[in-house]
Amino acid sequence: MELYGQHSKSLPQKIIIHLLEILLLWLSFWILFQNGGTWVESKFAMDNAADQLDRRILIFIFNVVTFARLGYMMVVLLKRKIPWEESISVPFAFALYYIGFSLFVLPTAKPLDIVDFLAIALFIVGSVLNSGGEILRDKWKRNPENQGKIYTGGFFRYARHINYFGDILWVIAYAVVTRNWYAAIIPAFLFCFFAFYNAPKLDSYLKRKYGTDYDSYASRTKMLVPFIY
């Protein structure tokens, strides 16, 4: 976790990540609206409900919003060093969203209904918790009076890693829109990654950095899911 203590613009890595993600967006568009769905259908014997566009449009809107939102966070808010291996691992992770959910939605012919509108609301809530929490924290950290202090306000008063919880929510929303049970694999994997690997490792780093202040914060604030876990 030493990376969390190293600051760098990492401009080349960010450029590569964004270029690869743009490629993934194009691939998702090809799968959803061009010949990609037909190609997948012919090669893998997967049903392709090509006449149901509304659900595919919604998935692609999710893709574009996610790309824009996390692109802003990476360029403006991310201060830590990005190692070269993340130039591949980050786009690979987003391939699960942009490409994975585009594939999972292909066989779904069901028109949009109230469940999908609830999923849209969940996507918005998750995005706000993730990006909004980071923006508020960045604004707080810019105040010289807060140097060396741990941020426990805003959405982070509800969970120590509320931004990760937001990620889980908007990924669940993706899965719901596909109406494909196999899509649940992605948010389930993401929850396990955050709950049993990333969040505990980040906790260890923050405990070393902030000491008893972090112990006090951790004693009164759940790690990942507000008020539960």
Protein backbone atom coordinates (compact mmCIF):
# COMPACT_ATOMS: atom_id res chain seq x y z
CA MET A 1 0.00 0.00 0.00
CA GLU A 2 3.02 2.27 -0.20
CA LEU A 3 1.52 3.67 -3.41
CA TYR A 4 -1.00 5.59 -1.32
CA GLY A 5 1.86 7.64 0.10
CA GLN A 6 3.50 8.40 -3.26
CA HIS A 7 2.29 11.41 -5.23
CA SER A 8 2.76 11.75 -8.98
CA LYS A 9 0.80 13.07 -11.98
CA SER A 10 1.49 9.76 -13.81
CA LEU A 11 0.45 11.44 -17.07
CA PRO A 12 1.64 8.69 -19.48
CA GLN A 13 -0.20 6.02 -17.50
CA LYS A 14 -3.39 8.10 -17.42
CA ILE A 15 -3.22 8.68 -21.18
CA ILE A 16 -2.87 4.94 -21.85
CA ILE A 17 -5.74 4.12 -19.49
CA HIS A 18 -8.03 6.63 -21.19
CA LEU A 19 -7.12 5.47 -24.70
CA LEU A 20 -7.81 1.85 -23.78
CA GLU A 21 -11.12 2.80 -22.17
CA ILE A 22 -12.15 4.72 -25.30
CA LEU A 23 -11.41 1.55 -27.28
CA LEU A 24 -13.59 -0.41 -24.85
CA LEU A 25 -16.40 2.12 -25.28
CA TRP A 26 -16.21 1.68 -29.03
CA LEU A 27 -16.31 -2.10 -28.64
CA SER A 28 -19.37 -1.84 -26.42
CA PHE A 29 -21.07 0.35 -29.05
CA TRP A 30 -20.17 -2.19 -31.73
CA ILE A 31 -21.61 -5.03 -29.66
CA LEU A 32 -24.79 -3.17 -28.72
CA PHE A 33 -25.70 -1.36 -31.92
CA GLN A 34 -23.60 -2.57 -34.85
CA ASN A 35 -22.49 -5.98 -36.08
CA GLY A 36 -20.93 -7.08 -32.80
CA GLY A 37 -24.13 -8.60 -31.46
CA THR A 38 -24.61 -10.62 -34.64
CA TRP A 39 -20.98 -11.76 -34.53
CA VAL A 40 -21.31 -12.88 -30.90
CA GLU A 41 -24.56 -14.68 -31.75
CA SER A 42 -22.93 -16.59 -34.61
CA LYS A 43 -19.69 -17.45 -32.81
CA PHE A 44 -21.02 -18.35 -29.36
CA ALA A 45 -24.62 -19.41 -30.05
CA MET A 46 -25.88 -16.59 -27.81
CA ASP A 47 -29.37 -15.16 -28.32
CA ASN A 48 -29.37 -11.62 -29.68
CA ALA A 49 -32.57 -9.64 -29.10
CA ALA A 50 -31.57 -7.01 -31.65
CA ASP A 51 -35.00 -5.34 -31.74
CA GLN A 52 -34.86 -4.31 -28.06
CA LEU A 53 -32.82 -1.11 -28.21
CA ASP A 54 -34.01 0.78 -25.12
CA ARG A 55 -32.22 -1.50 -22.69
CA ARG A 56 -29.03 -1.38 -24.78
CA ILE A 57 -29.17 2.40 -24.98
CA LEU A 58 -29.43 2.52 -21.19
CA ILE A 59 -26.39 0.26 -20.78
CA PHE A 60 -24.39 2.46 -23.15
CA ILE A 61 -25.46 5.62 -21.30
CA PHE A 62 -24.19 3.96 -18.11
CA ASN A 63 -20.92 3.27 -19.93
CA VAL A 64 -20.47 6.88 -21.06
CA VAL A 65 -21.39 8.35 -17.67
CA THR A 66 -19.00 5.97 -15.92
CA PHE A 67 -16.19 6.80 -18.34
CA ALA A 68 -16.70 10.56 -17.92
CA ARG A 69 -17.10 10.43 -14.15
CA LEU A 70 -14.14 8.20 -13.41
CA GLY A 71 -12.05 9.99 -16.04
CA TYR A 72 -12.60 13.23 -14.14
CA MET A 73 -11.71 11.56 -10.87
CA MET A 74 -8.51 10.12 -12.31
CA VAL A 75 -7.35 13.35 -13.96
CA VAL A 76 -8.43 15.86 -11.32
CA LEU A 77 -8.76 14.05 -8.00
CA LEU A 78 -6.28 11.17 -8.08
CA LYS A 79 -3.00 12.34 -6.59
CA ARG A 80 -1.21 9.06 -5.91
CA LYS A 81 1.30 7.48 -8.26
CA ILE A 82 -0.14 5.08 -10.85
CA PRO A 83 2.25 2.16 -11.52
CA TRP A 84 2.59 0.97 -15.10
CA GLU A 85 0.83 -2.32 -14.38
CA GLU A 86 -2.33 -0.36 -13.56
CA SER A 87 -2.31 0.93 -17.14
CA ILE A 88 -3.50 -2.56 -18.04
CA SER A 89 -5.30 -3.72 -14.90
CA VAL A 90 -7.60 -0.67 -14.70
CA PRO A 91 -8.88 -0.97 -18.30
CA PHE A 92 -9.22 -4.74 -17.78
CA ALA A 93 -11.49 -4.05 -14.80
CA PHE A 94 -13.59 -1.64 -16.83
CA ALA A 95 -13.84 -4.18 -19.62
CA LEU A 96 -15.98 -6.16 -17.18
CA TYR A 97 -18.42 -3.24 -17.12
CA TYR A 98 -18.29 -1.87 -20.66
CA ILE A 99 -17.99 -5.20 -22.47
CA GLY A 100 -19.30 -7.65 -19.88
CA PHE A 101 -22.65 -5.96 -19.32
CA SER A 102 -23.00 -5.25 -23.06
CA LEU A 103 -22.74 -9.00 -23.66
CA PHE A 104 -25.05 -9.93 -20.81
CA VAL A 105 -27.81 -7.65 -22.11
CA LEU A 106 -27.76 -9.07 -25.68
CA PRO A 107 -30.32 -11.87 -25.14
CA THR A 108 -32.73 -9.70 -23.12
CA ALA A 109 -35.90 -8.82 -25.02
CA LYS A 110 -37.91 -7.56 -22.04
CA PRO A 111 -38.97 -3.88 -22.35
CA LEU A 112 -37.90 -1.40 -19.69
CA ASP A 113 -40.14 -1.34 -16.61
CA ILE A 114 -40.23 0.01 -13.06
CA VAL A 115 -37.36 -2.25 -11.98
CA ASP A 116 -35.11 -0.58 -14.53
CA PHE A 117 -36.08 2.88 -13.34
CA LEU A 118 -35.18 1.79 -9.81
CA ALA A 119 -31.86 0.60 -11.23
CA ILE A 120 -31.31 4.04 -12.76
CA ALA A 121 -31.91 5.59 -9.33
CA LEU A 122 -29.46 3.11 -7.80
CA PHE A 123 -26.89 3.98 -10.46
CA ILE A 124 -27.25 7.68 -9.64
CA VAL A 125 -26.98 7.09 -5.89
CA GLY A 126 -23.90 4.92 -6.31
CA SER A 127 -22.26 7.44 -8.63
CA VAL A 128 -22.95 10.30 -6.21
CA LEU A 129 -21.57 8.35 -3.25
CA ASN A 130 -18.45 7.46 -5.22
CA SER A 131 -17.64 10.69 -7.06
CA GLY A 132 -19.40 13.08 -4.69
CA GLY A 133 -17.58 11.62 -1.71
CA GLU A 134 -14.22 11.99 -3.45
CA ILE A 135 -14.97 15.58 -4.53
CA LEU A 136 -15.97 16.62 -1.00
CA ARG A 137 -12.89 14.95 0.45
CA ASP A 138 -10.62 16.64 -2.10
CA LYS A 139 -12.12 20.04 -1.27
CA TRP A 140 -11.56 19.39 2.45
CA LYS A 141 -7.96 18.31 1.91
CA ARG A 142 -7.16 21.48 -0.04
CA ASN A 143 -7.65 23.49 3.16
CA PRO A 144 -4.18 23.93 4.73
CA GLU A 145 -5.74 23.65 8.19
CA ASN A 146 -6.63 20.02 7.46
CA GLN A 147 -3.14 18.87 6.49
CA GLY A 148 -2.22 15.66 8.29
CA LYS A 149 -5.80 15.05 9.44
CA ILE A 150 -8.11 12.21 8.48
CA TYR A 151 -11.32 13.07 6.67
CA THR A 152 -14.39 11.67 8.42
CA GLY A 153 -17.08 14.02 7.13
CA GLY A 154 -19.50 14.05 4.22
CA PHE A 155 -20.50 10.60 3.03
CA PHE A 156 -17.48 9.12 4.81
CA ARG A 157 -19.26 9.52 8.13
CA TYR A 158 -21.46 6.59 7.09
CA ALA A 159 -18.70 4.16 6.06
CA ARG A 160 -14.91 4.36 6.01
CA HIS A 161 -14.87 3.35 2.35
CA ILE A 162 -18.20 4.79 1.23
CA ASN A 163 -16.71 5.41 -2.22
CA TYR A 164 -16.26 1.66 -2.66
CA PHE A 165 -19.84 1.09 -1.52
CA GLY A 166 -20.93 3.55 -4.19
CA ASP A 167 -19.02 1.50 -6.76
CA ILE A 168 -20.88 -1.62 -5.69
CA LEU A 169 -24.26 0.12 -6.03
CA TRP A 170 -23.77 1.44 -9.55
CA VAL A 171 -22.37 -1.92 -10.69
CA ILE A 172 -25.43 -3.66 -9.23
CA ALA A 173 -27.55 -1.22 -11.26
CA TYR A 174 -25.77 -2.32 -14.43
CA ALA A 175 -26.47 -5.97 -13.61
CA VAL A 176 -30.15 -5.31 -12.92
CA VAL A 177 -30.64 -3.56 -16.27
CA THR A 178 -29.26 -6.58 -18.15
CA ARG A 179 -31.94 -8.84 -16.56
CA ASN A 180 -29.40 -11.63 -16.85
CA TRP A 181 -28.64 -13.63 -13.70
CA TYR A 182 -25.11 -14.31 -14.88
CA ALA A 183 -24.43 -10.56 -14.67
CA ALA A 184 -24.67 -10.82 -10.87
CA ILE A 185 -21.20 -12.38 -10.95
CA ILE A 186 -19.62 -8.97 -11.55
CA PRO A 187 -21.01 -7.05 -8.52
CA ALA A 188 -20.52 -10.15 -6.35
CA PHE A 189 -16.86 -10.28 -7.35
CA LEU A 190 -16.49 -6.53 -6.78
CA PHE A 191 -17.97 -6.78 -3.28
CA CYS A 192 -15.60 -9.60 -2.35
CA PHE A 193 -12.63 -7.67 -3.77
CA PHE A 194 -13.45 -4.58 -1.72
CA ALA A 195 -14.58 -6.38 1.45
CA PHE A 196 -11.79 -8.92 1.75
CA TYR A 197 -8.84 -7.35 -0.05
CA ASN A 198 -8.80 -3.68 -1.02
CA ALA A 199 -10.60 -2.09 1.93
CA PRO A 200 -8.68 -4.08 4.60
CA LYS A 201 -5.33 -3.25 2.95
CA LEU A 202 -6.26 0.42 2.77
CA ASP A 203 -7.34 0.27 6.42
CA SER A 204 -3.87 -0.99 7.35
CA TYR A 205 -2.23 1.89 5.50
CA LEU A 206 -4.54 4.49 7.06
CA LYS A 207 -3.98 3.05 10.54
CA ARG A 208 -0.22 3.43 10.08
CA LYS A 209 -0.64 6.96 8.78
CA TYR A 210 -3.18 8.35 11.27
CA GLY A 211 -2.69 6.08 14.30
CA THR A 212 -5.19 6.47 17.13
CA ASP A 213 -7.27 8.97 15.16
CA TYR A 214 -8.01 6.25 12.64
CA ASP A 215 -8.66 3.70 15.40
CA SER A 216 -11.27 6.06 16.85
CA TYR A 217 -12.86 6.59 13.44
CA ALA A 218 -12.90 2.85 12.73
CA SER A 219 -14.46 2.05 16.09
CA ARG A 220 -17.55 4.13 15.33
CA THR A 221 -17.82 3.72 11.54
CA LYS A 222 -18.48 0.57 9.52
CA MET A 223 -15.89 -0.38 6.91
CA LEU A 224 -17.92 -0.77 3.70
CA VAL A 225 -21.71 -0.97 4.04
CA PRO A 226 -23.18 1.86 6.16
CA PHE A 227 -24.40 0.70 9.58
CA ILE A 228 -23.98 -2.98 8.60
CA TYR A 229 -20.45 -4.06 7.62
